[in-house]
Amino acid sequence: MKPLEERIQELKQQFQISVEPHKYTGGQQCGIMPSTVIGKHEDLGIEIRIKAHRNNHKNRELLQTVFDLIFDELVK
């Protein structure tokens, strides 16, 4: 049986992040690409969608922070 810390790291590594492309076709939104960043963890049944910033990097950071908070609460 694996040590708890090793199992926790494996579970964290199974978290998948993808980007749902924007749906704007033009107009005033042309050139602005706010996309939804989606995080999924199949084993834990977690799906998180973040579209708080226009910057995908900031959305990814926020998504990772939210996942870490949720994961820490589940592991306690």
Protein backbone atom coordinates (compact mmCIF):
# COMPACT_ATOMS: atom_id res chain seq x y z
CA MET A 1 0.00 0.00 0.00
CA LYS A 2 1.29 3.45 -0.94
CA PRO A 3 2.02 6.11 1.67
CA LEU A 4 -0.69 8.75 2.09
CA GLU A 5 1.44 11.64 0.79
CA GLU A 6 2.26 9.71 -2.40
CA ARG A 7 -1.42 8.91 -2.98
CA ILE A 8 -2.38 12.57 -2.42
CA GLN A 9 0.18 13.67 -5.02
CA GLU A 10 -1.16 11.12 -7.51
CA LEU A 11 -4.71 12.39 -7.00
CA LYS A 12 -3.61 16.01 -7.50
CA GLN A 13 -1.81 15.08 -10.73
CA GLN A 14 -5.01 13.55 -12.15
CA PHE A 15 -6.64 17.02 -12.25
CA GLN A 16 -7.13 17.92 -15.93
CA ILE A 17 -7.30 21.52 -17.16
CA SER A 18 -8.75 22.49 -20.55
CA VAL A 19 -9.92 25.68 -22.23
CA GLU A 20 -13.32 26.20 -23.83
CA PRO A 21 -12.82 28.71 -26.65
CA HIS A 22 -14.77 31.94 -26.78
CA LYS A 23 -17.92 32.16 -28.88
CA TYR A 24 -17.68 35.73 -30.15
CA THR A 25 -17.65 36.25 -33.89
CA GLY A 26 -16.85 39.95 -34.09
CA GLY A 27 -18.10 43.39 -33.18
CA GLN A 28 -16.92 45.11 -30.03
CA GLN A 29 -15.65 41.83 -28.61
CA CYS A 30 -13.32 41.24 -31.56
CA GLY A 31 -9.77 40.76 -30.34
CA ILE A 32 -10.85 40.09 -26.76
CA MET A 33 -10.77 36.39 -26.04
CA PRO A 34 -12.14 35.61 -22.59
CA SER A 35 -12.28 31.83 -22.53
CA THR A 36 -13.67 29.54 -19.90
CA VAL A 37 -11.03 27.43 -18.16
CA ILE A 38 -12.37 24.06 -17.07
CA GLY A 39 -10.84 21.76 -14.49
CA LYS A 40 -12.01 18.17 -14.04
CA HIS A 41 -11.10 15.37 -11.69
CA GLU A 42 -12.85 12.17 -12.73
CA ASP A 43 -12.15 10.11 -9.58
CA LEU A 44 -13.34 12.81 -7.17
CA GLY A 45 -16.24 13.96 -9.36
CA ILE A 46 -15.10 17.59 -9.39
CA GLU A 47 -15.67 20.00 -12.28
CA ILE A 48 -14.78 23.68 -11.95
CA ARG A 49 -15.40 26.38 -14.58
CA ILE A 50 -13.69 29.77 -14.27
CA LYS A 51 -14.24 32.80 -16.50
CA ALA A 52 -13.43 35.62 -14.07
CA HIS A 53 -10.66 37.35 -16.04
CA ARG A 54 -9.96 38.09 -19.69
CA ASN A 55 -6.52 36.61 -19.16
CA ASN A 56 -6.46 32.79 -19.43
CA HIS A 57 -3.31 32.62 -17.30
CA LYS A 58 -5.10 34.37 -14.41
CA ASN A 59 -8.11 32.09 -14.88
CA ARG A 60 -5.84 29.03 -14.71
CA GLU A 61 -4.19 30.33 -11.53
CA LEU A 62 -7.60 30.94 -9.95
CA LEU A 63 -8.82 27.51 -11.05
CA GLN A 64 -5.78 25.82 -9.48
CA THR A 65 -6.27 27.77 -6.24
CA VAL A 66 -9.95 26.80 -6.04
CA PHE A 67 -9.13 23.16 -6.75
CA ASP A 68 -6.41 23.13 -4.08
CA LEU A 69 -8.85 24.56 -1.51
CA ILE A 70 -11.53 22.00 -2.40
CA PHE A 71 -9.03 19.14 -2.43
CA ASP A 72 -7.59 20.13 0.95
CA GLU A 73 -11.11 20.15 2.44
CA LEU A 74 -11.83 16.69 1.02
CA VAL A 75 -8.58 15.21 2.32
CA LYS A 76 -8.93 16.53 5.90
